[in-house]
Amino acid sequence: MQQRNSFKFSKAGLLSVLILALFWSFSANAHRGAKNEVDTCRFSVGSEVIHFSAYTPDTTGGQGFCHVIPDIGMTHLVFDYEGKNLRNTTVEFEVTKDPDDTRVYYQAPEKIRKGSVDAQVDFTKFGAGTYLAHVTIMYKGEKLDSHLPFAVGMDPDEGSLPYKIIIPIVLVIITLIVVSVMTKKRESGSDDEGME
């Protein structure tokens, strides 16, 4: 009888480890990784997909960024079409600074046949802060618009700091709940057997 109870507890422990492993794997790199990996630098405009990358060659060389660009300076904001359909469509690009919507870059609507736009912006003129990339396409007579927020002049880990704190806390809480439930089931099973 003692073996059966310890087996139930080891199931709870195993379940806790599996839950931790599952959530831990979600915090892996999310920028142009493995084939099935989520790429948070991709965004859709209608049915088309565009990949966004930012480079500050003077300070970080060829290292690409997406949601947080650590340095303020001349930056290449690169929008790559992931399909060929956008090459036959009129596309408009704009970058604005929040919260006052100051325009820092504008590419008038045109067909860009090479499939890539390299918007060069000197962020020293606009300063650190949050920005919004706007992409608008004209598709079958209708305007489709999409936005991608990003920050400039911040440490890349700064934006993910809350997740680095919140996720482990949530995982610990889930693990404690699972262990508590399994322990209560084990105890109620022991009580039921003791009554017989």
N, C-alpha and C. Protein backbone atom coordinates (compact mmCIF):
# COMPACT_ATOMS: atom_id res chain seq x y z
N MET A 1 0.83 -1.19 0.00
CA MET A 1 0.00 0.00 0.00
C MET A 1 0.88 1.26 0.00
N GLN A 2 1.98 1.23 0.71
CA GLN A 2 2.88 2.38 0.77
C GLN A 2 3.48 2.65 -0.61
N GLN A 3 3.79 1.61 -1.36
CA GLN A 3 4.35 1.78 -2.70
C GLN A 3 3.38 2.51 -3.62
N ARG A 4 2.10 2.20 -3.53
CA ARG A 4 1.12 2.82 -4.39
C ARG A 4 1.05 4.33 -4.14
N ASN A 5 1.09 4.76 -2.89
CA ASN A 5 1.03 6.19 -2.57
C ASN A 5 2.26 6.92 -3.08
N SER A 6 3.44 6.32 -2.93
CA SER A 6 4.64 6.99 -3.43
C SER A 6 4.62 7.04 -4.94
N PHE A 7 3.99 6.07 -5.58
CA PHE A 7 3.86 6.09 -7.04
C PHE A 7 2.98 7.26 -7.47
N LYS A 8 1.89 7.54 -6.73
CA LYS A 8 1.03 8.68 -7.04
C LYS A 8 1.81 9.98 -6.89
N PHE A 9 2.64 10.07 -5.84
CA PHE A 9 3.41 11.30 -5.66
C PHE A 9 4.42 11.47 -6.78
N SER A 10 5.02 10.38 -7.19
CA SER A 10 6.00 10.50 -8.28
C SER A 10 5.31 10.88 -9.58
N LYS A 11 4.05 10.50 -9.76
CA LYS A 11 3.29 10.97 -10.93
C LYS A 11 3.13 12.49 -10.88
N ALA A 12 2.83 13.01 -9.68
CA ALA A 12 2.68 14.46 -9.53
C ALA A 12 4.00 15.16 -9.81
N GLY A 13 5.08 14.60 -9.30
CA GLY A 13 6.39 15.17 -9.55
C GLY A 13 6.73 15.15 -11.02
N LEU A 14 6.45 14.01 -11.67
CA LEU A 14 6.71 13.87 -13.10
C LEU A 14 5.86 14.87 -13.89
N LEU A 15 4.60 15.00 -13.53
CA LEU A 15 3.72 15.96 -14.19
C LEU A 15 4.24 17.39 -14.02
N SER A 16 4.72 17.71 -12.83
CA SER A 16 5.27 19.04 -12.58
C SER A 16 6.49 19.30 -13.45
N VAL A 17 7.36 18.31 -13.55
CA VAL A 17 8.56 18.46 -14.38
C VAL A 17 8.17 18.63 -15.85
N LEU A 18 7.19 17.86 -16.31
CA LEU A 18 6.75 17.99 -17.70
C LEU A 18 6.15 19.37 -17.98
N ILE A 19 5.36 19.88 -17.06
CA ILE A 19 4.78 21.22 -17.22
C ILE A 19 5.89 22.26 -17.27
N LEU A 20 6.85 22.16 -16.36
CA LEU A 20 7.97 23.10 -16.36
C LEU A 20 8.75 23.03 -17.67
N ALA A 21 9.02 21.82 -18.14
CA ALA A 21 9.76 21.65 -19.39
C ALA A 21 9.00 22.23 -20.57
N LEU A 22 7.68 22.03 -20.58
CA LEU A 22 6.86 22.55 -21.67
C LEU A 22 6.92 24.07 -21.72
N PHE A 23 6.72 24.72 -20.57
CA PHE A 23 6.75 26.18 -20.55
C PHE A 23 8.15 26.72 -20.77
N TRP A 24 9.15 26.01 -20.26
CA TRP A 24 10.52 26.45 -20.43
C TRP A 24 10.90 26.47 -21.90
N SER A 25 10.40 25.51 -22.67
CA SER A 25 10.75 25.44 -24.10
C SER A 25 10.12 26.59 -24.88
N PHE A 26 9.01 27.18 -24.37
CA PHE A 26 8.39 28.30 -25.07
C PHE A 26 9.22 29.57 -24.99
N SER A 27 10.14 29.64 -24.03
CA SER A 27 10.93 30.85 -23.88
C SER A 27 12.19 30.83 -24.75
N ALA A 28 12.28 29.89 -25.68
CA ALA A 28 13.43 29.80 -26.57
C ALA A 28 13.46 30.98 -27.53
N ASN A 29 14.56 31.12 -28.25
CA ASN A 29 14.70 32.20 -29.22
C ASN A 29 13.52 32.22 -30.17
N ALA A 30 13.07 33.41 -30.52
CA ALA A 30 11.92 33.52 -31.40
C ALA A 30 12.24 34.42 -32.58
N HIS A 31 13.45 34.29 -33.13
CA HIS A 31 13.81 35.14 -34.26
C HIS A 31 14.53 34.32 -35.32
N ARG A 32 13.83 34.00 -36.38
CA ARG A 32 14.37 33.26 -37.51
C ARG A 32 15.11 32.00 -37.07
N GLY A 33 14.42 31.17 -36.32
CA GLY A 33 15.03 29.95 -35.81
C GLY A 33 14.63 28.76 -36.64
N ALA A 34 14.33 27.69 -35.95
CA ALA A 34 13.98 26.43 -36.60
C ALA A 34 12.69 26.58 -37.40
N LYS A 35 12.46 25.60 -38.27
CA LYS A 35 11.34 25.67 -39.20
C LYS A 35 9.99 25.87 -38.50
N ASN A 36 9.74 25.14 -37.41
CA ASN A 36 8.45 25.22 -36.73
C ASN A 36 8.43 26.24 -35.60
N GLU A 37 9.50 26.99 -35.45
CA GLU A 37 9.60 27.96 -34.36
C GLU A 37 8.82 29.22 -34.70
N VAL A 38 8.19 29.80 -33.70
CA VAL A 38 7.42 31.02 -33.89
C VAL A 38 8.39 32.18 -34.11
N ASP A 39 8.14 32.97 -35.12
CA ASP A 39 8.97 34.14 -35.43
C ASP A 39 8.12 35.37 -35.17
N THR A 40 8.37 36.04 -34.05
CA THR A 40 7.55 37.18 -33.67
C THR A 40 7.89 38.44 -34.47
N CYS A 41 8.85 38.34 -35.37
CA CYS A 41 9.21 39.48 -36.22
C CYS A 41 8.46 39.44 -37.54
N ARG A 42 7.58 38.48 -37.71
CA ARG A 42 6.75 38.37 -38.90
C ARG A 42 5.39 38.97 -38.57
N PHE A 43 4.82 39.67 -39.53
CA PHE A 43 3.46 40.15 -39.33
C PHE A 43 2.72 40.11 -40.65
N SER A 44 1.42 40.00 -40.55
CA SER A 44 0.58 39.85 -41.74
C SER A 44 -0.06 41.17 -42.12
N VAL A 45 -0.14 41.37 -43.42
CA VAL A 45 -0.90 42.48 -43.98
C VAL A 45 -1.84 41.81 -44.96
N GLY A 46 -3.10 41.69 -44.57
CA GLY A 46 -4.02 40.90 -45.37
C GLY A 46 -3.57 39.45 -45.30
N SER A 47 -3.44 38.81 -46.46
CA SER A 47 -2.99 37.42 -46.49
C SER A 47 -1.49 37.31 -46.73
N GLU A 48 -0.81 38.44 -46.82
CA GLU A 48 0.63 38.45 -47.08
C GLU A 48 1.42 38.61 -45.78
N VAL A 49 2.65 38.09 -45.79
CA VAL A 49 3.49 38.14 -44.60
C VAL A 49 4.75 38.93 -44.89
N ILE A 50 5.13 39.78 -43.94
CA ILE A 50 6.34 40.59 -44.06
C ILE A 50 7.20 40.31 -42.82
N HIS A 51 8.50 40.21 -43.03
CA HIS A 51 9.43 40.01 -41.93
C HIS A 51 10.16 41.33 -41.67
N PHE A 52 10.25 41.71 -40.40
CA PHE A 52 10.88 42.97 -40.01
C PHE A 52 12.18 42.68 -39.28
N SER A 53 13.24 43.38 -39.65
CA SER A 53 14.52 43.32 -38.95
C SER A 53 15.10 44.72 -38.87
N ALA A 54 15.84 44.99 -37.80
CA ALA A 54 16.49 46.29 -37.65
C ALA A 54 17.97 46.06 -37.37
N TYR A 55 18.80 46.85 -38.03
CA TYR A 55 20.25 46.74 -37.89
C TYR A 55 20.85 48.11 -37.58
N THR A 56 21.79 48.14 -36.65
CA THR A 56 22.55 49.36 -36.37
C THR A 56 24.02 49.03 -36.63
N PRO A 57 24.44 49.06 -37.90
CA PRO A 57 25.77 48.58 -38.27
C PRO A 57 26.93 49.30 -37.58
N ASP A 58 26.78 50.57 -37.23
CA ASP A 58 27.87 51.31 -36.58
C ASP A 58 28.16 50.81 -35.17
N THR A 59 27.15 50.25 -34.50
CA THR A 59 27.36 49.84 -33.11
C THR A 59 27.24 48.33 -32.87
N THR A 60 26.40 47.66 -33.66
CA THR A 60 26.21 46.21 -33.42
C THR A 60 26.53 45.36 -34.64
N GLY A 61 27.11 45.96 -35.66
CA GLY A 61 27.50 45.20 -36.85
C GLY A 61 26.29 44.61 -37.55
N GLY A 62 26.36 43.32 -37.83
CA GLY A 62 25.28 42.66 -38.57
C GLY A 62 24.22 42.02 -37.70
N GLN A 63 24.25 42.28 -36.40
CA GLN A 63 23.25 41.69 -35.51
C GLN A 63 21.89 42.32 -35.77
N GLY A 64 20.88 41.47 -35.97
CA GLY A 64 19.53 41.95 -36.24
C GLY A 64 18.69 42.01 -34.98
N PHE A 65 17.79 42.97 -34.96
CA PHE A 65 16.87 43.14 -33.84
C PHE A 65 15.45 43.21 -34.39
N CYS A 66 14.49 43.09 -33.49
CA CYS A 66 13.12 43.13 -33.95
C CYS A 66 12.28 44.05 -33.08
N HIS A 67 11.98 43.64 -31.88
CA HIS A 67 11.08 44.41 -31.03
C HIS A 67 11.79 45.46 -30.19
N VAL A 68 13.07 45.24 -29.92
CA VAL A 68 13.84 46.19 -29.13
C VAL A 68 15.19 46.42 -29.80
N ILE A 69 15.44 47.65 -30.20
CA ILE A 69 16.71 48.04 -30.81
C ILE A 69 17.51 48.75 -29.72
N PRO A 70 18.64 48.18 -29.28
CA PRO A 70 19.31 48.73 -28.09
C PRO A 70 19.97 50.08 -28.28
N ASP A 71 20.45 50.39 -29.49
CA ASP A 71 21.22 51.62 -29.69
C ASP A 71 20.44 52.66 -30.48
N ILE A 72 20.74 53.92 -30.15
CA ILE A 72 20.16 55.04 -30.88
C ILE A 72 21.20 55.48 -31.90
N GLY A 73 20.82 55.60 -33.13
CA GLY A 73 21.75 56.02 -34.18
C GLY A 73 21.18 55.66 -35.53
N MET A 74 22.04 55.67 -36.55
CA MET A 74 21.58 55.29 -37.89
C MET A 74 21.17 53.82 -37.88
N THR A 75 19.94 53.58 -38.25
CA THR A 75 19.37 52.24 -38.19
C THR A 75 18.75 51.88 -39.53
N HIS A 76 18.98 50.64 -39.95
CA HIS A 76 18.35 50.11 -41.16
C HIS A 76 17.14 49.29 -40.72
N LEU A 77 15.96 49.75 -41.06
CA LEU A 77 14.72 49.01 -40.80
C LEU A 77 14.39 48.28 -42.09
N VAL A 78 14.49 46.96 -42.06
CA VAL A 78 14.35 46.16 -43.27
C VAL A 78 13.03 45.40 -43.22
N PHE A 79 12.23 45.59 -44.26
CA PHE A 79 10.96 44.89 -44.43
C PHE A 79 11.12 43.95 -45.62
N ASP A 80 11.07 42.64 -45.36
CA ASP A 80 11.22 41.64 -46.42
C ASP A 80 9.88 40.97 -46.70
N TYR A 81 9.48 40.96 -47.97
CA TYR A 81 8.27 40.24 -48.35
C TYR A 81 8.57 38.75 -48.30
N GLU A 82 7.65 37.97 -47.77
CA GLU A 82 7.86 36.52 -47.72
C GLU A 82 7.25 35.79 -48.90
N GLY A 83 6.53 36.48 -49.72
CA GLY A 83 5.97 35.89 -50.93
C GLY A 83 6.18 36.84 -52.08
N LYS A 84 5.78 36.42 -53.27
CA LYS A 84 5.98 37.28 -54.44
C LYS A 84 4.76 38.14 -54.76
N ASN A 85 3.63 37.90 -54.09
CA ASN A 85 2.41 38.64 -54.40
C ASN A 85 2.54 40.14 -54.13
N LEU A 86 3.27 40.52 -53.07
CA LEU A 86 3.39 41.94 -52.74
C LEU A 86 4.20 42.70 -53.79
N ARG A 87 4.99 42.00 -54.57
CA ARG A 87 5.79 42.66 -55.60
C ARG A 87 4.92 43.23 -56.71
N ASN A 88 3.69 42.76 -56.79
CA ASN A 88 2.75 43.25 -57.80
C ASN A 88 1.68 44.14 -57.18
N THR A 89 1.91 44.56 -55.95
CA THR A 89 0.92 45.33 -55.20
C THR A 89 1.55 46.65 -54.74
N THR A 90 0.72 47.67 -54.64
CA THR A 90 1.20 48.96 -54.14
C THR A 90 1.31 48.87 -52.62
N VAL A 91 2.51 49.21 -52.10
CA VAL A 91 2.77 49.11 -50.67
C VAL A 91 3.28 50.45 -50.16
N GLU A 92 2.80 50.85 -48.98
CA GLU A 92 3.20 52.09 -48.34
C GLU A 92 3.80 51.77 -46.97
N PHE A 93 4.93 52.40 -46.62
CA PHE A 93 5.59 52.17 -45.33
C PHE A 93 5.69 53.49 -44.59
N GLU A 94 5.48 53.41 -43.27
CA GLU A 94 5.62 54.60 -42.43
C GLU A 94 6.07 54.14 -41.05
N VAL A 95 6.93 54.94 -40.42
CA VAL A 95 7.34 54.69 -39.04
C VAL A 95 7.03 55.94 -38.24
N THR A 96 6.33 55.77 -37.12
CA THR A 96 5.97 56.90 -36.27
C THR A 96 6.45 56.64 -34.84
N LYS A 97 6.67 57.74 -34.12
CA LYS A 97 7.06 57.63 -32.71
C LYS A 97 5.83 57.83 -31.85
N ASP A 98 5.66 56.93 -30.88
CA ASP A 98 4.56 57.07 -29.93
C ASP A 98 4.99 58.00 -28.81
N PRO A 99 4.14 58.67 -28.12
CA PRO A 99 2.70 58.63 -28.23
C PRO A 99 2.13 59.72 -29.16
N ASP A 100 2.99 60.59 -29.69
CA ASP A 100 2.46 61.74 -30.45
C ASP A 100 2.38 61.50 -31.96
N ASP A 101 2.67 60.31 -32.43
CA ASP A 101 2.58 59.95 -33.86
C ASP A 101 3.48 60.79 -34.76
N THR A 102 4.65 61.20 -34.27
CA THR A 102 5.60 61.94 -35.09
C THR A 102 6.14 61.01 -36.18
N ARG A 103 6.05 61.43 -37.42
CA ARG A 103 6.54 60.60 -38.53
C ARG A 103 8.06 60.69 -38.59
N VAL A 104 8.73 59.51 -38.58
CA VAL A 104 10.18 59.48 -38.66
C VAL A 104 10.66 58.89 -39.99
N TYR A 105 9.76 58.21 -40.71
CA TYR A 105 10.10 57.66 -42.02
C TYR A 105 8.81 57.50 -42.81
N TYR A 106 8.93 57.73 -44.13
CA TYR A 106 7.76 57.53 -44.99
C TYR A 106 8.21 57.06 -46.37
N GLN A 107 7.64 55.99 -46.83
CA GLN A 107 7.85 55.47 -48.19
C GLN A 107 6.49 55.55 -48.88
N ALA A 108 6.39 56.44 -49.86
CA ALA A 108 5.12 56.63 -50.57
C ALA A 108 4.66 55.32 -51.21
N PRO A 109 3.34 55.18 -51.43
CA PRO A 109 2.83 53.96 -52.05
C PRO A 109 3.46 53.72 -53.42
N GLU A 110 4.04 52.53 -53.58
CA GLU A 110 4.60 52.15 -54.87
C GLU A 110 4.79 50.63 -54.90
N LYS A 111 4.98 50.12 -56.11
CA LYS A 111 5.27 48.70 -56.27
C LYS A 111 6.78 48.53 -56.11
N ILE A 112 7.17 47.77 -55.11
CA ILE A 112 8.58 47.54 -54.85
C ILE A 112 8.89 46.12 -55.31
N ARG A 113 9.47 46.01 -56.47
CA ARG A 113 9.64 44.73 -57.15
C ARG A 113 10.73 43.85 -56.54
N LYS A 114 11.70 44.46 -55.84
CA LYS A 114 12.79 43.64 -55.31
C LYS A 114 12.39 42.83 -54.08
N GLY A 115 11.23 43.14 -53.50
CA GLY A 115 10.73 42.34 -52.37
C GLY A 115 11.30 42.73 -51.02
N SER A 116 11.97 43.88 -50.96
CA SER A 116 12.56 44.31 -49.71
C SER A 116 12.65 45.83 -49.67
N VAL A 117 12.40 46.40 -48.49
CA VAL A 117 12.53 47.84 -48.29
C VAL A 117 13.54 48.04 -47.17
N ASP A 118 14.52 48.91 -47.40
CA ASP A 118 15.52 49.24 -46.39
C ASP A 118 15.31 50.71 -46.01
N ALA A 119 14.60 50.93 -44.94
CA ALA A 119 14.33 52.29 -44.46
C ALA A 119 15.45 52.69 -43.52
N GLN A 120 16.21 53.71 -43.89
CA GLN A 120 17.31 54.17 -43.05
C GLN A 120 16.84 55.36 -42.22
N VAL A 121 16.89 55.19 -40.91
CA VAL A 121 16.41 56.22 -39.99
C VAL A 121 17.50 56.53 -38.97
N ASP A 122 17.78 57.81 -38.77
CA ASP A 122 18.73 58.24 -37.74
C ASP A 122 17.92 58.56 -36.48
N PHE A 123 17.88 57.61 -35.55
CA PHE A 123 17.06 57.78 -34.35
C PHE A 123 17.65 58.78 -33.36
N THR A 124 18.89 59.25 -33.59
CA THR A 124 19.42 60.30 -32.70
C THR A 124 18.58 61.57 -32.82
N LYS A 125 17.91 61.75 -33.95
CA LYS A 125 17.05 62.93 -34.15
C LYS A 125 15.74 62.82 -33.36
N PHE A 126 15.34 61.58 -33.06
CA PHE A 126 14.02 61.36 -32.45
C PHE A 126 14.09 60.82 -31.03
N GLY A 127 15.23 60.25 -30.65
CA GLY A 127 15.44 59.77 -29.29
C GLY A 127 14.89 58.40 -28.99
N ALA A 128 15.22 57.94 -27.80
CA ALA A 128 14.75 56.64 -27.32
C ALA A 128 13.24 56.68 -27.13
N GLY A 129 12.62 55.53 -27.26
CA GLY A 129 11.18 55.47 -27.04
C GLY A 129 10.54 54.35 -27.82
N THR A 130 9.22 54.40 -27.87
CA THR A 130 8.48 53.37 -28.59
C THR A 130 8.05 53.91 -29.95
N TYR A 131 8.11 53.04 -30.93
CA TYR A 131 7.80 53.40 -32.31
C TYR A 131 6.82 52.39 -32.87
N LEU A 132 6.23 52.76 -34.00
CA LEU A 132 5.28 51.88 -34.65
C LEU A 132 5.56 51.88 -36.15
N ALA A 133 5.78 50.68 -36.70
CA ALA A 133 5.95 50.53 -38.15
C ALA A 133 4.57 50.25 -38.74
N HIS A 134 4.17 51.04 -39.73
CA HIS A 134 2.88 50.89 -40.40
C HIS A 134 3.16 50.38 -41.82
N VAL A 135 2.45 49.36 -42.22
CA VAL A 135 2.56 48.87 -43.59
C VAL A 135 1.14 48.81 -44.16
N THR A 136 0.95 49.46 -45.29
CA THR A 136 -0.38 49.50 -45.92
C THR A 136 -0.24 49.00 -47.35
N ILE A 137 -1.11 48.09 -47.73
CA ILE A 137 -1.13 47.63 -49.12
C ILE A 137 -2.49 47.91 -49.73
N MET A 138 -2.48 48.15 -51.03
CA MET A 138 -3.73 48.26 -51.78
C MET A 138 -3.96 46.91 -52.42
N TYR A 139 -5.04 46.25 -52.03
CA TYR A 139 -5.29 44.90 -52.53
C TYR A 139 -6.73 44.83 -53.03
N LYS A 140 -6.88 44.65 -54.32
CA LYS A 140 -8.20 44.54 -54.95
C LYS A 140 -9.10 45.73 -54.57
N GLY A 141 -8.53 46.92 -54.64
CA GLY A 141 -9.29 48.14 -54.37
C GLY A 141 -9.51 48.46 -52.92
N GLU A 142 -8.97 47.64 -52.00
CA GLU A 142 -9.18 47.94 -50.58
C GLU A 142 -7.83 48.12 -49.90
N LYS A 143 -7.80 49.02 -48.92
CA LYS A 143 -6.58 49.29 -48.16
C LYS A 143 -6.50 48.35 -46.97
N LEU A 144 -5.39 47.60 -46.89
CA LEU A 144 -5.15 46.73 -45.75
C LEU A 144 -3.95 47.28 -44.99
N ASP A 145 -4.12 47.46 -43.69
CA ASP A 145 -3.10 48.11 -42.88
C ASP A 145 -2.69 47.19 -41.73
N SER A 146 -1.40 47.21 -41.41
CA SER A 146 -0.92 46.44 -40.27
C SER A 146 0.17 47.24 -39.56
N HIS A 147 0.36 46.97 -38.28
CA HIS A 147 1.34 47.70 -37.48
C HIS A 147 2.23 46.72 -36.72
N LEU A 148 3.46 47.15 -36.48
CA LEU A 148 4.39 46.38 -35.66
C LEU A 148 5.07 47.34 -34.70
N PRO A 149 4.83 47.19 -33.39
CA PRO A 149 5.48 48.06 -32.42
C PRO A 149 6.93 47.63 -32.17
N PHE A 150 7.80 48.60 -31.90
CA PHE A 150 9.17 48.29 -31.51
C PHE A 150 9.69 49.44 -30.66
N ALA A 151 10.79 49.20 -29.96
CA ALA A 151 11.37 50.21 -29.08
C ALA A 151 12.81 50.46 -29.50
N VAL A 152 13.28 51.69 -29.30
CA VAL A 152 14.64 52.08 -29.64
C VAL A 152 15.31 52.65 -28.41
N GLY A 153 16.59 52.31 -28.23
CA GLY A 153 17.36 52.85 -27.11
C GLY A 153 17.14 52.13 -25.82
N MET A 154 16.79 50.85 -25.90
CA MET A 154 16.57 50.05 -24.69
C MET A 154 17.39 48.78 -24.81
N ASP A 155 17.69 48.18 -23.68
CA ASP A 155 18.39 46.91 -23.64
C ASP A 155 17.42 45.83 -24.13
N PRO A 156 17.83 44.94 -25.06
CA PRO A 156 16.91 43.91 -25.56
C PRO A 156 16.30 43.05 -24.47
N ASP A 157 17.03 42.83 -23.37
CA ASP A 157 16.48 42.02 -22.29
C ASP A 157 15.50 42.80 -21.42
N GLU A 158 15.55 44.13 -21.51
CA GLU A 158 14.67 44.99 -20.72
C GLU A 158 13.21 44.71 -21.04
N GLY A 159 12.89 44.55 -22.33
CA GLY A 159 11.51 44.31 -22.74
C GLY A 159 10.99 42.97 -22.30
N SER A 160 11.89 41.99 -22.11
CA SER A 160 11.43 40.65 -21.72
C SER A 160 11.55 40.41 -20.23
N LEU A 161 12.03 41.41 -19.46
CA LEU A 161 12.22 41.23 -18.02
C LEU A 161 10.95 40.82 -17.29
N PRO A 162 9.80 41.45 -17.55
CA PRO A 162 8.59 41.01 -16.84
C PRO A 162 8.28 39.53 -17.10
N TYR A 163 8.51 39.06 -18.32
CA TYR A 163 8.25 37.66 -18.62
C TYR A 163 9.22 36.75 -17.90
N LYS A 164 10.46 37.21 -17.71
CA LYS A 164 11.45 36.41 -17.00
C LYS A 164 11.09 36.26 -15.54
N ILE A 165 10.30 37.18 -15.02
CA ILE A 165 9.87 37.11 -13.63
C ILE A 165 8.52 36.42 -13.52
N ILE A 166 7.58 36.79 -14.37
CA ILE A 166 6.21 36.29 -14.28
C ILE A 166 6.12 34.80 -14.62
N ILE A 167 6.77 34.37 -15.69
CA ILE A 167 6.66 32.97 -16.12
C ILE A 167 7.13 32.00 -15.03
N PRO A 168 8.31 32.19 -14.40
CA PRO A 168 8.68 31.26 -13.33
C PRO A 168 7.70 31.26 -12.17
N ILE A 169 7.16 32.42 -11.82
CA ILE A 169 6.18 32.48 -10.73
C ILE A 169 4.93 31.67 -11.08
N VAL A 170 4.44 31.85 -12.31
CA VAL A 170 3.27 31.10 -12.76
C VAL A 170 3.56 29.60 -12.76
N LEU A 171 4.74 29.23 -13.21
CA LEU A 171 5.11 27.81 -13.24
C LEU A 171 5.18 27.22 -11.84
N VAL A 172 5.72 27.96 -10.90
CA VAL A 172 5.78 27.48 -9.51
C VAL A 172 4.38 27.31 -8.95
N ILE A 173 3.50 28.27 -9.22
CA ILE A 173 2.11 28.18 -8.74
C ILE A 173 1.40 26.96 -9.33
N ILE A 174 1.56 26.75 -10.63
CA ILE A 174 0.94 25.59 -11.29
C ILE A 174 1.48 24.29 -10.68
N THR A 175 2.79 24.24 -10.48
CA THR A 175 3.39 23.04 -9.90
C THR A 175 2.86 22.79 -8.50
N LEU A 176 2.75 23.84 -7.68
CA LEU A 176 2.22 23.67 -6.32
C LEU A 176 0.77 23.20 -6.34
N ILE A 177 -0.01 23.72 -7.25
CA ILE A 177 -1.42 23.30 -7.35
C ILE A 177 -1.50 21.82 -7.73
N VAL A 178 -0.70 21.42 -8.73
CA VAL A 178 -0.72 20.01 -9.16
C VAL A 178 -0.29 19.10 -8.03
N VAL A 179 0.79 19.44 -7.34
CA VAL A 179 1.27 18.62 -6.23
C VAL A 179 0.22 18.58 -5.12
N SER A 180 -0.42 19.71 -4.83
CA SER A 180 -1.45 19.76 -3.79
C SER A 180 -2.63 18.86 -4.13
N VAL A 181 -3.09 18.95 -5.37
CA VAL A 181 -4.23 18.11 -5.81
C VAL A 181 -3.86 16.64 -5.73
N MET A 182 -2.68 16.30 -6.19
CA MET A 182 -2.26 14.89 -6.16
C MET A 182 -2.11 14.40 -4.72
N THR A 183 -1.60 15.25 -3.84
CA THR A 183 -1.45 14.88 -2.43
C THR A 183 -2.81 14.67 -1.79
N LYS A 184 -3.77 15.54 -2.07
CA LYS A 184 -5.13 15.39 -1.51
C LYS A 184 -5.78 14.10 -2.01
N LYS A 185 -5.59 13.79 -3.29
CA LYS A 185 -6.14 12.54 -3.82
C LYS A 185 -5.51 11.35 -3.13
N ARG A 186 -4.20 11.43 -2.90
CA ARG A 186 -3.50 10.33 -2.23
C ARG A 186 -4.02 10.17 -0.81
N GLU A 187 -4.20 11.32 -0.11
CA GLU A 187 -4.69 11.26 1.27
C GLU A 187 -6.12 10.76 1.33
N SER A 188 -6.96 11.19 0.40
CA SER A 188 -8.36 10.71 0.42
C SER A 188 -8.40 9.23 0.05
N GLY A 189 -7.49 8.78 -0.80
CA GLY A 189 -7.41 7.35 -1.12
C GLY A 189 -6.97 6.54 0.08
N SER A 190 -6.06 7.09 0.88
CA SER A 190 -5.60 6.41 2.10
C SER A 190 -6.71 6.35 3.13
N ASP A 191 -7.47 7.44 3.28
CA ASP A 191 -8.59 7.48 4.22
C ASP A 191 -9.66 6.47 3.83
N ASP A 192 -9.97 6.35 2.54
CA ASP A 192 -10.97 5.41 2.07
C ASP A 192 -10.53 3.97 2.36
N GLU A 193 -9.24 3.69 2.15
CA GLU A 193 -8.75 2.33 2.41
C GLU A 193 -8.73 2.05 3.90
N GLY A 194 -8.45 3.06 4.74
CA GLY A 194 -8.43 2.88 6.19
C GLY A 194 -9.80 2.58 6.76
N MET A 195 -10.87 3.05 6.08
CA MET A 195 -12.24 2.83 6.56
C MET A 195 -12.69 1.42 6.27
N GLU A 196 -12.10 0.78 5.27
CA GLU A 196 -12.58 -0.56 4.89
C GLU A 196 -12.15 -1.61 5.84
